[in-house]
Structures are given as C-alpha cells and as structure tokens.
C-alpha atoms as a PDB file:
ATOM      1  CA  UNK A   1      59.129  75.419 115.729  1.00  0.00           C
ATOM      2  CA  UNK A   2      60.131  73.222 112.804  1.00  0.00           C
ATOM      3  CA  UNK A   3      63.673  72.439 111.716  1.00  0.00           C
ATOM      4  CA  UNK A   4      63.019  74.426 108.541  1.00  0.00           C
ATOM      5  CA  UNK A   5      62.174  77.497 110.611  1.00  0.00           C
ATOM      6  CA  UNK A   6      65.288  77.070 112.727  1.00  0.00           C
ATOM      7  CA  UNK A   7      67.395  76.696 109.574  1.00  0.00           C
ATOM      8  CA  UNK A   8      65.981  79.891 108.072  1.00  0.00           C
ATOM      9  CA  UNK A   9      66.594  81.834 111.290  1.00  0.00           C
ATOM     10  CA  UNK A  10      70.142  80.513 111.518  1.00  0.00           C
ATOM     11  CA  UNK A  11      70.818  81.367 107.872  1.00  0.00           C
ATOM     12  CA  UNK A  12      69.780  84.946 108.575  1.00  0.00           C
ATOM     13  CA  UNK A  13      72.687  85.238 111.042  1.00  0.00           C
ATOM     14  CA  UNK A  14      75.270  83.206 109.086  1.00  0.00           C
ATOM     15  CA  UNK A  15      77.206  86.114 107.579  1.00  0.00           C
ATOM     16  CA  UNK A  16      77.576  87.991 110.877  1.00  0.00           C
ATOM     17  CA  UNK A  17      78.601  84.840 112.727  1.00  0.00           C
ATOM     18  CA  UNK A  18      81.215  83.989 110.095  1.00  0.00           C
ATOM     19  CA  UNK A  19      82.621  87.507 110.470  1.00  0.00           C
ATOM     20  CA  UNK A  20      83.061  86.999 114.202  1.00  0.00           C
ATOM     21  CA  UNK A  21      84.447  83.469 113.893  1.00  0.00           C
ATOM     22  CA  UNK A  22      86.977  84.376 111.185  1.00  0.00           C
ATOM     23  CA  UNK A  23      88.395  87.245 113.244  1.00  0.00           C
ATOM     24  CA  UNK A  24      88.641  84.959 116.247  1.00  0.00           C
ATOM     25  CA  UNK A  25      90.182  81.964 114.456  1.00  0.00           C
ATOM     26  CA  UNK A  26      91.974  83.385 111.398  1.00  0.00           C
ATOM     27  CA  UNK A  27      90.698  80.444 109.375  1.00  0.00           C
ATOM     28  CA  UNK A  28      87.843  80.415 106.884  1.00  0.00           C
ATOM     29  CA  UNK A  29      87.380  76.653 107.180  1.00  0.00           C
ATOM     30  CA  UNK A  30      87.464  76.671 110.988  1.00  0.00           C
ATOM     31  CA  UNK A  31      85.061  79.617 111.083  1.00  0.00           C
ATOM     32  CA  UNK A  32      82.587  77.769 108.881  1.00  0.00           C
ATOM     33  CA  UNK A  33      82.880  74.678 111.084  1.00  0.00           C
ATOM     34  CA  UNK A  34      82.334  76.709 114.256  1.00  0.00           C
ATOM     35  CA  UNK A  35      79.233  78.397 112.863  1.00  0.00           C
ATOM     36  CA  UNK A  36      77.859  75.093 111.618  1.00  0.00           C
ATOM     37  CA  UNK A  37      78.379  73.576 115.058  1.00  0.00           C
ATOM     38  CA  UNK A  38      76.463  76.496 116.583  1.00  0.00           C
ATOM     39  CA  UNK A  39      73.583  75.812 114.170  1.00  0.00           C
ATOM     40  CA  UNK A  40      73.562  72.149 115.192  1.00  0.00           C
ATOM     41  CA  UNK A  41      73.359  73.187 118.835  1.00  0.00           C
ATOM     42  CA  UNK A  42      70.475  75.525 118.003  1.00  0.00           C
ATOM     43  CA  UNK A  43      68.570  72.648 116.429  1.00  0.00           C
ATOM     44  CA  UNK A  44      69.127  70.606 119.563  1.00  0.00           C
ATOM     45  CA  UNK A  45      68.070  73.470 121.815  1.00  0.00           C
ATOM     46  CA  UNK A  46      65.120  74.728 119.782  1.00  0.00           C
ATOM     47  CA  UNK A  47      63.778  78.276 119.584  1.00  0.00           C
ATOM     48  CA  UNK A  48      61.474  78.043 122.581  1.00  0.00           C
ATOM     49  CA  UNK A  49      62.546  80.411 125.318  1.00  0.00           C
ATOM     50  CA  UNK A  50      65.067  82.257 123.130  1.00  0.00           C
ATOM     51  CA  UNK A  51      64.122  85.947 123.085  1.00  0.00           C
ATOM     52  CA  UNK A  52      67.258  86.849 121.129  1.00  0.00           C
ATOM     53  CA  UNK A  53      68.322  84.068 118.782  1.00  0.00           C
ATOM     54  CA  UNK A  54      71.110  86.170 117.276  1.00  0.00           C
ATOM     55  CA  UNK A  55      72.608  86.894 120.685  1.00  0.00           C
ATOM     56  CA  UNK A  56      72.391  83.220 121.625  1.00  0.00           C
ATOM     57  CA  UNK A  57      74.136  82.182 118.404  1.00  0.00           C
ATOM     58  CA  UNK A  58      76.887  84.768 118.899  1.00  0.00           C
ATOM     59  CA  UNK A  59      77.531  83.538 122.455  1.00  0.00           C
ATOM     60  CA  UNK A  60      77.611  79.883 121.431  1.00  0.00           C
ATOM     61  CA  UNK A  61      79.809  80.565 118.388  1.00  0.00           C
ATOM     62  CA  UNK A  62      82.238  82.595 120.503  1.00  0.00           C
ATOM     63  CA  UNK A  63      82.507  79.810 123.084  1.00  0.00           C
ATOM     64  CA  UNK A  64      83.173  77.263 120.336  1.00  0.00           C
ATOM     65  CA  UNK A  65      85.876  79.533 118.917  1.00  0.00           C
ATOM     66  CA  UNK A  66      87.439  79.924 122.358  1.00  0.00           C
ATOM     67  CA  UNK A  67      87.777  76.146 122.678  1.00  0.00           C
ATOM     68  CA  UNK A  68      89.238  75.905 119.181  1.00  0.00           C
ATOM     69  CA  UNK A  69      91.741  78.674 119.895  1.00  0.00           C
ATOM     70  CA  UNK A  70      93.033  76.781 122.921  1.00  0.00           C
ATOM     71  CA  UNK A  71      93.557  73.665 120.802  1.00  0.00           C
ATOM     72  CA  UNK A  72      95.127  75.690 117.988  1.00  0.00           C
ATOM     73  CA  UNK A  73      97.805  77.103 120.293  1.00  0.00           C
ATOM     74  CA  UNK A  74      99.151  73.592 120.866  1.00  0.00           C
ATOM     75  CA  UNK A  75      99.119  72.746 117.138  1.00  0.00           C
ATOM     76  CA  UNK A  76     100.899  75.934 116.115  1.00  0.00           C
ATOM     77  CA  UNK A  77     103.792  75.278 118.470  1.00  0.00           C
ATOM     78  CA  UNK A  78     104.992  72.586 116.036  1.00  0.00           C
ATOM     79  CA  UNK A  79     103.923  74.346 112.819  1.00  0.00           C
ATOM     80  CA  UNK A  80     106.634  74.454 110.139  1.00  0.00           C
ATOM     81  CA  UNK A  81     107.610  78.031 109.294  1.00  0.00           C
ATOM     82  CA  UNK A  82     105.494  81.155 109.871  1.00  0.00           C
ATOM     83  CA  UNK A  83     101.775  80.646 110.537  1.00  0.00           C
ATOM     84  CA  UNK A  84      99.541  83.033 108.594  1.00  0.00           C
ATOM     85  CA  UNK A  85      95.749  83.318 108.660  1.00  0.00           C
ATOM     86  CA  UNK A  86      93.816  81.911 105.733  1.00  0.00           C
ATOM     87  CA  UNK A  87      93.284  84.594 103.070  1.00  0.00           C
ATOM     88  CA  UNK A  88      89.749  85.950 103.018  1.00  0.00           C
ATOM     89  CA  UNK A  89      88.094  87.159  99.816  1.00  0.00           C
ATOM     90  CA  UNK A  90      86.357  90.442 100.654  1.00  0.00           C
ATOM     91  CA  UNK A  91      83.786  92.415  98.701  1.00  0.00           C
ATOM     92  CA  UNK A  92      85.272  95.505  97.084  1.00  0.00           C
ATOM     93  CA  UNK A  93      81.846  97.142  96.917  1.00  0.00           C
ATOM     94  CA  UNK A  94      81.031  96.885 100.611  1.00  0.00           C
ATOM     95  CA  UNK A  95      80.547  99.999 102.719  1.00  0.00           C
ATOM     96  CA  UNK A  96      82.124  98.773 105.950  1.00  0.00           C
ATOM     97  CA  UNK A  97      84.010 101.467 107.873  1.00  0.00           C
ATOM     98  CA  UNK A  98      87.809 101.462 107.881  1.00  0.00           C
ATOM     99  CA  UNK A  99      87.824  99.892 111.353  1.00  0.00           C
ATOM    100  CA  UNK A 100      86.055  96.839 109.971  1.00  0.00           C
ATOM    101  CA  UNK A 101      88.431  96.618 107.032  1.00  0.00           C
ATOM    102  CA  UNK A 102      91.394  96.890 109.379  1.00  0.00           C
ATOM    103  CA  UNK A 103      90.011  94.130 111.583  1.00  0.00           C
ATOM    104  CA  UNK A 104      90.356  91.607 108.733  1.00  0.00           C
ATOM    105  CA  UNK A 105      93.736  92.900 107.530  1.00  0.00           C
ATOM    106  CA  UNK A 106      96.334  90.136 107.529  1.00  0.00           C
ATOM    107  CA  UNK A 107      98.799  92.106 109.665  1.00  0.00           C
ATOM    108  CA  UNK A 108      96.109  92.839 112.255  1.00  0.00           C
ATOM    109  CA  UNK A 109      95.122  89.175 112.459  1.00  0.00           C
ATOM    110  CA  UNK A 110      98.784  88.234 112.928  1.00  0.00           C
ATOM    111  CA  UNK A 111      98.954  90.602 115.917  1.00  0.00           C
ATOM    112  CA  UNK A 112      95.861  88.929 117.371  1.00  0.00           C
ATOM    113  CA  UNK A 113      97.741  85.614 117.207  1.00  0.00           C
ATOM    114  CA  UNK A 114     100.047  86.905 119.948  1.00  0.00           C
ATOM    115  CA  UNK A 115      97.143  87.231 122.415  1.00  0.00           C
ATOM    116  CA  UNK A 116      95.958  84.461 124.692  1.00  0.00           C
ATOM    117  CA  UNK A 117      92.679  82.816 123.600  1.00  0.00           C
ATOM    118  CA  UNK A 118      90.679  84.622 126.293  1.00  0.00           C
ATOM    119  CA  UNK A 119      92.316  87.973 125.477  1.00  0.00           C
ATOM    120  CA  UNK A 120      91.610  87.546 121.780  1.00  0.00           C
ATOM    121  CA  UNK A 121      87.957  86.695 122.315  1.00  0.00           C
ATOM    122  CA  UNK A 122      87.481  89.548 124.785  1.00  0.00           C
ATOM    123  CA  UNK A 123      89.238  92.113 122.571  1.00  0.00           C
ATOM    124  CA  UNK A 124      87.580  91.156 119.296  1.00  0.00           C
ATOM    125  CA  UNK A 125      84.086  90.922 120.756  1.00  0.00           C
ATOM    126  CA  UNK A 126      84.411  94.146 122.763  1.00  0.00           C
ATOM    127  CA  UNK A 127      86.476  96.467 120.562  1.00  0.00           C
ATOM    128  CA  UNK A 128      85.455  95.232 117.111  1.00  0.00           C
ATOM    129  CA  UNK A 129      81.872  94.068 117.640  1.00  0.00           C
ATOM    130  CA  UNK A 130      80.772  96.144 120.610  1.00  0.00           C
ATOM    131  CA  UNK A 131      79.927  93.413 123.137  1.00  0.00           C
ATOM    132  CA  UNK A 132      79.651  94.795 126.683  1.00  0.00           C
ATOM    133  CA  UNK A 133      81.444  93.392 129.711  1.00  0.00           C
ATOM    134  CA  UNK A 134      78.342  91.566 130.933  1.00  0.00           C
ATOM    135  CA  UNK A 135      78.132  89.661 127.639  1.00  0.00           C
ATOM    136  CA  UNK A 136      81.852  88.873 127.812  1.00  0.00           C
ATOM    137  CA  UNK A 137      81.445  87.581 131.361  1.00  0.00           C
ATOM    138  CA  UNK A 138      78.748  85.196 130.165  1.00  0.00           C
ATOM    139  CA  UNK A 139      80.830  83.937 127.234  1.00  0.00           C
ATOM    140  CA  UNK A 140      84.150  83.636 129.084  1.00  0.00           C
ATOM    141  CA  UNK A 141      82.677  82.539 132.410  1.00  0.00           C
ATOM    142  CA  UNK A 142      84.583  85.261 134.262  1.00  0.00           C
ATOM    143  CA  UNK A 143      83.648  88.239 136.400  1.00  0.00           C
ATOM    144  CA  UNK A 144      82.947  91.657 134.894  1.00  0.00           C
ATOM    145  CA  UNK A 145      86.148  92.976 136.463  1.00  0.00           C
ATOM    146  CA  UNK A 146      88.213  90.130 134.996  1.00  0.00           C
ATOM    147  CA  UNK A 147      86.761  90.796 131.546  1.00  0.00           C
ATOM    148  CA  UNK A 148      87.584  94.497 131.808  1.00  0.00           C
ATOM    149  CA  UNK A 149      91.156  93.559 132.643  1.00  0.00           C
ATOM    150  CA  UNK A 150      91.332  91.150 129.698  1.00  0.00           C
ATOM    151  CA  UNK A 151      90.124  93.810 127.271  1.00  0.00           C
ATOM    152  CA  UNK A 152      92.456  96.440 128.705  1.00  0.00           C
ATOM    153  CA  UNK A 153      95.487  94.150 128.591  1.00  0.00           C
ATOM    154  CA  UNK A 154      94.728  92.997 125.051  1.00  0.00           C
ATOM    155  CA  UNK A 155      94.046  96.546 123.858  1.00  0.00           C
ATOM    156  CA  UNK A 156      97.363  97.743 125.241  1.00  0.00           C
ATOM    157  CA  UNK A 157      99.193  94.870 123.544  1.00  0.00           C
ATOM    158  CA  UNK A 158      97.468  95.460 120.205  1.00  0.00           C
ATOM    159  CA  UNK A 159      98.063  99.219 120.393  1.00  0.00           C
ATOM    160  CA  UNK A 160     101.782  98.634 120.893  1.00  0.00           C
ATOM    161  CA  UNK A 161     102.067  96.232 117.946  1.00  0.00           C
ATOM    162  CA  UNK A 162      99.249  97.605 115.788  1.00  0.00           C
ATOM    163  CA  UNK A 163     100.326  97.589 112.127  1.00  0.00           C
ATOM    164  CA  UNK A 164     100.173 100.637 109.926  1.00  0.00           C
ATOM    165  CA  UNK A 165      97.087 100.759 107.760  1.00  0.00           C
ATOM    166  CA  UNK A 166      96.309 102.770 104.619  1.00  0.00           C
ATOM    167  CA  UNK A 167      92.829 104.214 105.127  1.00  0.00           C
ATOM    168  CA  UNK A 168      92.301 105.425 101.560  1.00  0.00           C
ATOM    169  CA  UNK A 169      90.894 102.648  99.367  1.00  0.00           C
ATOM    170  CA  UNK A 170      92.004 104.323  96.128  1.00  0.00           C
ATOM    171  CA  UNK A 171      95.597 104.518  97.359  1.00  0.00           C
ATOM    172  CA  UNK A 172      95.552 100.864  98.404  1.00  0.00           C
ATOM    173  CA  UNK A 173      94.280  99.865  94.981  1.00  0.00           C
ATOM    174  CA  UNK A 174      96.882 101.964  93.144  1.00  0.00           C
ATOM    175  CA  UNK A 175      99.773 100.663  95.252  1.00  0.00           C
ATOM    176  CA  UNK A 176      98.612  97.069  94.892  1.00  0.00           C
ATOM    177  CA  UNK A 177      98.303  97.437  91.107  1.00  0.00           C
ATOM    178  CA  UNK A 178     101.873  98.731  90.852  1.00  0.00           C
ATOM    179  CA  UNK A 179     103.092  95.878  93.035  1.00  0.00           C
ATOM    180  CA  UNK A 180     101.313  93.231  90.990  1.00  0.00           C
ATOM    181  CA  UNK A 181     102.542  94.564  87.659  1.00  0.00           C
ATOM    182  CA  UNK A 182     106.123  94.848  88.927  1.00  0.00           C
ATOM    183  CA  UNK A 183     106.022  91.303  90.290  1.00  0.00           C
ATOM    184  CA  UNK A 184     104.655  89.938  87.020  1.00  0.00           C
ATOM    185  CA  UNK A 185     107.387  91.585  84.961  1.00  0.00           C
ATOM    186  CA  UNK A 186     110.159  90.890  87.470  1.00  0.00           C
ATOM    187  CA  UNK A 187     111.360  94.500  87.505  1.00  0.00           C
ATOM    188  CA  UNK A 188     113.477  95.097  90.621  1.00  0.00           C
ATOM    189  CA  UNK A 189     113.610  98.880  90.172  1.00  0.00           C
ATOM    190  CA  UNK A 190     109.839  99.159  89.907  1.00  0.00           C
ATOM    191  CA  UNK A 191     109.381  96.905  92.930  1.00  0.00           C
ATOM    192  CA  UNK A 192     111.760  99.059  94.966  1.00  0.00           C
ATOM    193  CA  UNK A 193     109.614 102.085  94.155  1.00  0.00           C
ATOM    194  CA  UNK A 194     106.464 100.484  95.577  1.00  0.00           C
ATOM    195  CA  UNK A 195     107.978  98.680  98.592  1.00  0.00           C
ATOM    196  CA  UNK A 196     108.552 100.469 101.884  1.00  0.00           C
ATOM    197  CA  UNK A 197     112.233 100.454 102.978  1.00  0.00           C
ATOM    198  CA  UNK A 198     111.343  98.328 106.021  1.00  0.00           C
ATOM    199  CA  UNK A 199     108.957  95.980 104.211  1.00  0.00           C
ATOM    200  CA  UNK A 200     108.661  92.459 105.616  1.00  0.00           C
ATOM    201  CA  UNK A 201     107.752  89.420 103.550  1.00  0.00           C
ATOM    202  CA  UNK A 202     106.721  86.099 105.084  1.00  0.00           C
ATOM    203  CA  UNK A 203     105.420  82.923 103.530  1.00  0.00           C
ATOM    204  CA  UNK A 204     103.302  80.099 104.931  1.00  0.00           C
ATOM    205  CA  UNK A 205     103.863  76.725 103.305  1.00  0.00           C
ATOM    206  CA  UNK A 206     103.095  74.708 106.417  1.00  0.00           C
ATOM    207  CA  UNK A 207     105.877  72.280 105.540  1.00  0.00           C
ATOM    208  CA  UNK A 208     103.736  70.965 102.667  1.00  0.00           C
ATOM    209  CA  UNK A 209     105.102  73.097  99.809  1.00  0.00           C
ATOM    210  CA  UNK A 210     108.259  75.115  99.252  1.00  0.00           C
ATOM    211  CA  UNK A 211     108.284  78.480 101.023  1.00  0.00           C
ATOM    212  CA  UNK A 212     110.829  80.703 102.740  1.00  0.00           C
ATOM    213  CA  UNK A 213     111.021  79.564 106.361  1.00  0.00           C
ATOM    214  CA  UNK A 214     112.042  82.920 107.828  1.00  0.00           C
ATOM    215  CA  UNK A 215     110.701  86.420 107.090  1.00  0.00           C
ATOM    216  CA  UNK A 216     112.617  88.549 104.586  1.00  0.00           C
ATOM    217  CA  UNK A 217     113.360  92.096 105.758  1.00  0.00           C
ATOM    218  CA  UNK A 218     114.120  95.154 103.658  1.00  0.00           C
ATOM    219  CA  UNK A 219     113.047  96.406 100.237  1.00  0.00           C
ATOM    220  CA  UNK A 220     116.068  95.162  98.290  1.00  0.00           C
ATOM    221  CA  UNK A 221     115.902  91.563  99.577  1.00  0.00           C
ATOM    222  CA  UNK A 222     112.157  91.375  99.051  1.00  0.00           C
ATOM    223  CA  UNK A 223     112.323  92.994  95.599  1.00  0.00           C
ATOM    224  CA  UNK A 224     115.018  90.596  94.395  1.00  0.00           C
ATOM    225  CA  UNK A 225     113.098  87.598  95.671  1.00  0.00           C
ATOM    226  CA  UNK A 226     109.818  88.696  94.081  1.00  0.00           C
ATOM    227  CA  UNK A 227     111.513  89.596  90.808  1.00  0.00           C
ATOM    228  CA  UNK A 228     112.959  86.093  90.700  1.00  0.00           C
ATOM    229  CA  UNK A 229     109.511  84.605  91.227  1.00  0.00           C
ATOM    230  CA  UNK A 230     108.099  86.688  88.408  1.00  0.00           C
ATOM    231  CA  UNK A 231     110.821  85.682  85.954  1.00  0.00           C
ATOM    232  CA  UNK A 232     110.610  81.978  86.846  1.00  0.00           C
ATOM    233  CA  UNK A 233     106.802  81.694  86.770  1.00  0.00           C
ATOM    234  CA  UNK A 234     105.564  78.997  84.350  1.00  0.00           C
ATOM    235  CA  UNK A 235     103.990  80.416  81.188  1.00  0.00           C
ATOM    236  CA  UNK A 236     100.640  78.729  81.855  1.00  0.00           C
ATOM    237  CA  UNK A 237     100.255  80.086  85.374  1.00  0.00           C
ATOM    238  CA  UNK A 238      97.070  82.105  85.972  1.00  0.00           C
ATOM    239  CA  UNK A 239      97.378  85.349  87.935  1.00  0.00           C
ATOM    240  CA  UNK A 240      94.220  87.046  89.189  1.00  0.00           C
ATOM    241  CA  UNK A 241      93.715  90.297  91.045  1.00  0.00           C
ATOM    242  CA  UNK A 242      91.397  89.789  94.021  1.00  0.00           C
ATOM    243  CA  UNK A 243      90.314  91.661  97.138  1.00  0.00           C
ATOM    244  CA  UNK A 244      91.992  89.751  99.957  1.00  0.00           C
ATOM    245  CA  UNK A 245      91.556  90.816 103.575  1.00  0.00           C
ATOM    246  CA  UNK A 246      90.358  94.267 102.574  1.00  0.00           C
ATOM    247  CA  UNK A 247      93.156  95.083 100.112  1.00  0.00           C
ATOM    248  CA  UNK A 248      93.732  94.223  96.441  1.00  0.00           C
ATOM    249  CA  UNK A 249      95.975  91.178  96.321  1.00  0.00           C
ATOM    250  CA  UNK A 250      97.047  88.452  93.939  1.00  0.00           C
ATOM    251  CA  UNK A 251      95.859  84.884  93.480  1.00  0.00           C
ATOM    252  CA  UNK A 252      98.145  82.549  91.542  1.00  0.00           C
ATOM    253  CA  UNK A 253      96.576  79.411  90.072  1.00  0.00           C
ATOM    254  CA  UNK A 254      97.810  76.403  88.159  1.00  0.00           C
ATOM    255  CA  UNK A 255      96.494  75.898  84.622  1.00  0.00           C
ATOM    256  CA  UNK A 256      93.672  73.693  85.937  1.00  0.00           C
ATOM    257  CA  UNK A 257      92.495  76.458  88.273  1.00  0.00           C
ATOM    258  CA  UNK A 258      93.909  74.981  91.489  1.00  0.00           C
ATOM    259  CA  UNK A 259      95.184  77.798  93.739  1.00  0.00           C
ATOM    260  CA  UNK A 260      98.949  77.788  94.124  1.00  0.00           C
ATOM    261  CA  UNK A 261      99.471  80.844  96.317  1.00  0.00           C
ATOM    262  CA  UNK A 262      97.794  83.988  97.574  1.00  0.00           C
ATOM    263  CA  UNK A 263      99.637  87.275  98.025  1.00  0.00           C
ATOM    264  CA  UNK A 264      97.993  89.410 100.704  1.00  0.00           C
ATOM    265  CA  UNK A 265      99.411  92.923 100.983  1.00  0.00           C
ATOM    266  CA  UNK A 266      99.695  95.327 103.906  1.00  0.00           C
ATOM    267  CA  UNK A 267      99.655  98.881 102.547  1.00  0.00           C
ATOM    268  CA  UNK A 268     100.467 102.054 104.483  1.00  0.00           C
ATOM    269  CA  UNK A 269     101.726 105.531 103.639  1.00  0.00           C
ATOM    270  CA  UNK A 270     101.501 104.813  99.916  1.00  0.00           C
ATOM    271  CA  UNK A 271     103.773 101.752  99.996  1.00  0.00           C
ATOM    272  CA  UNK A 272     103.608  98.017 100.569  1.00  0.00           C
ATOM    273  CA  UNK A 273     104.826  97.442 104.129  1.00  0.00           C
ATOM    274  CA  UNK A 274     104.040  93.740 104.289  1.00  0.00           C
ATOM    275  CA  UNK A 275     103.866  90.884 101.783  1.00  0.00           C
ATOM    276  CA  UNK A 276     102.111  87.799 103.133  1.00  0.00           C
ATOM    277  CA  UNK A 277     102.287  84.749 100.887  1.00  0.00           C
ATOM    278  CA  UNK A 278     100.012  81.849 101.771  1.00  0.00           C
ATOM    279  CA  UNK A 279     101.045  78.634  99.987  1.00  0.00           C
ATOM    280  CA  UNK A 280      99.827  75.917 102.339  1.00  0.00           C
ATOM    281  CA  UNK A 281      97.294  74.103 100.123  1.00  0.00           C
ATOM    282  CA  UNK A 282      95.033  73.433 103.118  1.00  0.00           C
ATOM    283  CA  UNK A 283      94.616  77.194 103.540  1.00  0.00           C
ATOM    284  CA  UNK A 284      93.806  77.750  99.854  1.00  0.00           C
ATOM    285  CA  UNK A 285      91.188  75.042  99.389  1.00  0.00           C
ATOM    286  CA  UNK A 286      88.302  77.495  99.817  1.00  0.00           C
ATOM    287  CA  UNK A 287      89.719  79.614  96.957  1.00  0.00           C
ATOM    288  CA  UNK A 288      89.307  76.967  94.280  1.00  0.00           C
ATOM    289  CA  UNK A 289      87.775  78.403  91.116  1.00  0.00           C
END
C-alpha cells in the first residue's frame, strides 16, 4: 500500500480518534498530537496484516494517551491555580445522544481528572465508547479481571461525583443566553436569577494571566464578580456566543481577534451550576479566529 492510501485511511478515522483522545486527555492540542503520532506509527507499520485498521488506530491512540496522562499527572502537581480542560467547540447541529454530550461536558471532564490514568482510560473506553474487557486488556496490558475492576472502581467514583446535567438542549440554550446577556450588562439581579444557589465558578489562568486562584462558591459571590467583569470590559472587546463542550458558552476576544477567555457553562435544573473560565492562552490557541 502507498503512503497516500495509508493517509486516506487514517483520515477516515481522524474524527473518531480525536473524540477518544480529547476525552482521555482533556486537551485539544494534546489530542491532535496523539492522533498524529498514531498516524505516524501506522505509516511505519503499514496496512499489511491489519484486518481492522480502525481498531488498530484506536488501540495505539489509547496507549499513547495513557502514556501522556501519566506524564500530565506530574506536570499538574505544580500547576498554578485550578486546572481546567481546554474548551472544545462542538457542533450545535449534531445528533449525538445526551450521553455523548455529557461525556464532553467540562464538569464531567473535571471529574475524570480525579481518576488514575489507567482508570480513566478503562472507564472512557468501556462506558463511553463501548470497548469490551478483552480490548481493554490489550490496551492496558492487564488481565480481563483487572480491567473489570478498573472499570468498576472508576464507575463508582464517577457516579459519586457525577455532575448534574441538563438534558434538554432548548433549556440549556435559554439559560446560557440569559447568563450571557446578564454578564454583558453587569446586572447582579439578573445574574442571581439564572445562577443556582450553590453555583461554583473557577478560572484557569495557568499562572500566565490574571485569574482567581480559588473557586468562588455561591450565587451572590459569583454574580458580583461576573457583574464587575461585565462593567469593566473594554469597549472594543469582542464577545461571541459559541457551543463549547456541548453547551452554549461565551468566547471573549481582543480587538485583533485573539482569544482572551472562554466561558464554559454547566447547566442543570434550569440554572447555571458551574462557570468555568479558561484564560490560559496556551489552552485558547486553537480558538483563534
């Protein structure tokens, strides 16, 4: 087979592989790198003897992600402030089931961060993508029984900490619109009406830009902070509504189009229960206009 043929086959699987890698790594850039590395390995291996190229690519990509997760755990121990996943632009016209939307929700990805690398890979591949225990054993180099235990332990942990999730897309859109308008105008009363009483706001600046270092708890504290941001925003700032991690969110750009921050919302029971603000410029690079 020629390199061109291998490239076309790999391209056919790119979207699915990126979906797996992003859920495993929480980073768009790292997911793209992992998938690209899998393609390079496919070129080196060739197509001969591969009855299921897609399965081979998924296994290799998952193993690459597992190695990267182990390295990431060390880096995040010294990370400045809260660590949030990179915001993902999602297609508002897609027909994915709610479970798929929930699996890219920011709050869900944050819960996955509390799992060990092996638990995260086992849980995501098994419960989100339907890999069986035999496939997990091959990827993780563990016995079937050990993989079953990994999935069970991770599932129990996720179930305990699983965030609330608004299943109705229309409700999410309506709540997000009210939040965005209230933030723009800096109206505390209107923000209080859309925020859940126990809302939590956290910001990720990575020590590179100004951001609150500790999460803000409670509707009044969060509303006052957001209202202040809205009133102090420069007149030439560009605010865009965008689908981020399955829910309408807000992208804030400088006048030249450079992304300044991304607001990713967690919506449940008709209110915003989580406000995740990503400001680390390294995590916004893929959102450049």
